[in-house]
N, C-alpha and C. Protein backbone atom coordinates (compact mmCIF):
# COMPACT_ATOMS: atom_id res chain seq x y z
N MET A 1 27.22 1.60 -4.42
CA MET A 1 27.09 2.91 -3.81
C MET A 1 27.51 4.02 -4.79
N GLU A 2 28.51 3.72 -5.60
CA GLU A 2 28.98 4.70 -6.57
C GLU A 2 27.90 5.00 -7.61
N PHE A 3 27.13 3.97 -7.98
CA PHE A 3 26.04 4.16 -8.94
C PHE A 3 25.01 5.14 -8.40
N ILE A 4 24.66 4.99 -7.13
CA ILE A 4 23.67 5.88 -6.52
C ILE A 4 24.20 7.31 -6.45
N GLN A 5 25.47 7.46 -6.09
CA GLN A 5 26.05 8.80 -6.01
C GLN A 5 26.12 9.47 -7.38
N ASN A 6 26.39 8.70 -8.40
CA ASN A 6 26.50 9.28 -9.75
C ASN A 6 25.15 9.55 -10.40
N ASN A 7 24.11 8.85 -9.99
CA ASN A 7 22.82 8.95 -10.67
C ASN A 7 21.68 9.31 -9.73
N TRP A 8 21.95 10.03 -8.65
CA TRP A 8 20.91 10.29 -7.66
C TRP A 8 19.79 11.16 -8.23
N VAL A 9 20.10 12.06 -9.13
CA VAL A 9 19.06 12.92 -9.70
C VAL A 9 18.09 12.09 -10.55
N GLU A 10 18.63 11.23 -11.37
CA GLU A 10 17.78 10.40 -12.22
C GLU A 10 16.94 9.44 -11.40
N LEU A 11 17.53 8.89 -10.34
CA LEU A 11 16.77 7.99 -9.46
C LEU A 11 15.65 8.73 -8.75
N LEU A 12 15.93 9.95 -8.31
CA LEU A 12 14.90 10.74 -7.65
C LEU A 12 13.79 11.12 -8.62
N LEU A 13 14.14 11.45 -9.84
CA LEU A 13 13.13 11.76 -10.86
C LEU A 13 12.27 10.54 -11.16
N ALA A 14 12.88 9.36 -11.17
CA ALA A 14 12.11 8.13 -11.39
C ALA A 14 11.12 7.91 -10.26
N LEU A 15 11.53 8.18 -9.02
CA LEU A 15 10.62 8.05 -7.88
C LEU A 15 9.49 9.06 -7.94
N ILE A 16 9.80 10.28 -8.36
CA ILE A 16 8.75 11.30 -8.50
C ILE A 16 7.77 10.91 -9.60
N THR A 17 8.28 10.35 -10.69
CA THR A 17 7.41 9.88 -11.77
C THR A 17 6.50 8.76 -11.28
N LEU A 18 7.06 7.83 -10.51
CA LEU A 18 6.26 6.76 -9.93
C LEU A 18 5.19 7.33 -9.00
N GLY A 19 5.58 8.31 -8.18
CA GLY A 19 4.60 8.95 -7.29
C GLY A 19 3.52 9.68 -8.06
N SER A 20 3.89 10.33 -9.15
CA SER A 20 2.89 11.03 -9.97
C SER A 20 1.90 10.04 -10.58
N SER A 21 2.40 8.92 -11.03
CA SER A 21 1.51 7.89 -11.58
C SER A 21 0.58 7.35 -10.51
N TRP A 22 1.12 7.15 -9.32
CA TRP A 22 0.32 6.63 -8.21
C TRP A 22 -0.79 7.62 -7.84
N THR A 23 -0.45 8.90 -7.72
CA THR A 23 -1.46 9.89 -7.34
C THR A 23 -2.49 10.08 -8.44
N ALA A 24 -2.11 9.87 -9.69
CA ALA A 24 -3.08 9.98 -10.78
C ALA A 24 -4.12 8.86 -10.72
N LEU A 25 -3.73 7.73 -10.16
CA LEU A 25 -4.64 6.59 -10.08
C LEU A 25 -5.55 6.63 -8.85
N THR A 26 -5.19 7.43 -7.86
CA THR A 26 -5.99 7.50 -6.64
C THR A 26 -6.87 8.74 -6.67
N ALA A 27 -7.94 8.69 -5.91
CA ALA A 27 -8.91 9.79 -5.94
C ALA A 27 -8.70 10.80 -4.81
N THR A 28 -7.79 10.53 -3.88
CA THR A 28 -7.63 11.43 -2.74
C THR A 28 -6.76 12.62 -3.09
N LYS A 29 -6.99 13.72 -2.41
CA LYS A 29 -6.20 14.93 -2.61
C LYS A 29 -4.99 14.98 -1.69
N LYS A 30 -5.01 14.21 -0.60
CA LYS A 30 -3.92 14.24 0.36
C LYS A 30 -2.61 13.78 -0.28
N ASP A 31 -2.65 12.72 -1.06
CA ASP A 31 -1.42 12.25 -1.70
C ASP A 31 -0.92 13.22 -2.76
N ASP A 32 -1.83 13.96 -3.39
CA ASP A 32 -1.42 15.00 -4.34
C ASP A 32 -0.65 16.11 -3.62
N GLU A 33 -1.11 16.47 -2.43
CA GLU A 33 -0.43 17.51 -1.65
C GLU A 33 0.95 17.05 -1.21
N ILE A 34 1.06 15.79 -0.81
CA ILE A 34 2.35 15.26 -0.38
C ILE A 34 3.33 15.24 -1.54
N LEU A 35 2.88 14.81 -2.70
CA LEU A 35 3.76 14.78 -3.88
C LEU A 35 4.16 16.20 -4.28
N ASP A 36 3.27 17.16 -4.14
CA ASP A 36 3.59 18.55 -4.46
C ASP A 36 4.71 19.06 -3.56
N ILE A 37 4.67 18.71 -2.28
CA ILE A 37 5.72 19.11 -1.35
C ILE A 37 7.05 18.47 -1.75
N ILE A 38 7.02 17.20 -2.11
CA ILE A 38 8.24 16.51 -2.52
C ILE A 38 8.82 17.15 -3.78
N LYS A 39 7.97 17.53 -4.72
CA LYS A 39 8.44 18.18 -5.94
C LYS A 39 9.06 19.54 -5.63
N ARG A 40 8.47 20.28 -4.71
CA ARG A 40 9.04 21.58 -4.34
C ARG A 40 10.41 21.44 -3.69
N VAL A 41 10.55 20.44 -2.82
CA VAL A 41 11.85 20.20 -2.19
C VAL A 41 12.88 19.83 -3.25
N PHE A 42 12.51 18.95 -4.17
CA PHE A 42 13.42 18.55 -5.25
C PHE A 42 13.82 19.76 -6.09
N ASN A 43 12.88 20.61 -6.45
CA ASN A 43 13.19 21.80 -7.24
C ASN A 43 14.11 22.75 -6.48
N ALA A 44 13.90 22.87 -5.18
CA ALA A 44 14.75 23.74 -4.37
C ALA A 44 16.18 23.20 -4.33
N ILE A 45 16.33 21.88 -4.27
CA ILE A 45 17.67 21.28 -4.24
C ILE A 45 18.35 21.44 -5.60
N VAL A 46 17.65 21.13 -6.66
CA VAL A 46 18.26 21.13 -7.99
C VAL A 46 18.48 22.55 -8.50
N PHE A 47 17.47 23.41 -8.38
CA PHE A 47 17.57 24.75 -8.93
C PHE A 47 18.09 25.78 -7.93
N GLY A 48 18.16 25.41 -6.67
CA GLY A 48 18.73 26.30 -5.67
C GLY A 48 17.77 27.33 -5.12
N SER A 49 16.53 27.31 -5.53
CA SER A 49 15.55 28.25 -4.98
C SER A 49 14.17 27.65 -5.10
N SER A 50 13.25 28.24 -4.37
CA SER A 50 11.87 27.77 -4.41
C SER A 50 11.19 28.25 -5.68
N THR A 51 10.34 27.41 -6.24
CA THR A 51 9.58 27.80 -7.42
C THR A 51 8.17 28.23 -7.05
N CYS A 52 7.92 28.39 -5.75
CA CYS A 52 6.58 28.73 -5.28
C CYS A 52 6.13 30.08 -5.84
N ASP A 53 7.03 31.06 -5.91
CA ASP A 53 6.65 32.37 -6.43
C ASP A 53 6.28 32.29 -7.91
N LYS A 54 7.02 31.51 -8.67
CA LYS A 54 6.73 31.39 -10.09
C LYS A 54 5.45 30.61 -10.34
N ASP A 55 5.18 29.61 -9.49
CA ASP A 55 4.00 28.78 -9.66
C ASP A 55 2.75 29.41 -9.06
N LYS A 56 2.90 30.51 -8.34
CA LYS A 56 1.80 31.20 -7.67
C LYS A 56 1.03 30.25 -6.76
N CYS A 57 1.78 29.46 -6.00
CA CYS A 57 1.14 28.52 -5.08
C CYS A 57 0.62 29.27 -3.86
N LYS A 58 -0.39 28.70 -3.25
CA LYS A 58 -1.03 29.34 -2.10
C LYS A 58 -0.26 29.04 -0.83
N LYS A 59 -0.23 30.01 0.06
CA LYS A 59 0.32 29.77 1.40
C LYS A 59 -0.73 29.05 2.20
N GLN A 60 -0.33 27.94 2.81
CA GLN A 60 -1.30 27.15 3.56
C GLN A 60 -0.97 27.17 5.02
């Protein structure tokens, strides 16, 4: 449990990398949208704010 607490950011980045690889191999856009949401949540947690304004993402 201590390992997870000490390395949660690296573990989460590894999962996002795995998800990025998975979405690159699939042809659907739905999984790309889901991964984009996960990345935004991660950025909000790590950086403390949304990067939507900087990325000029569309409101859906």
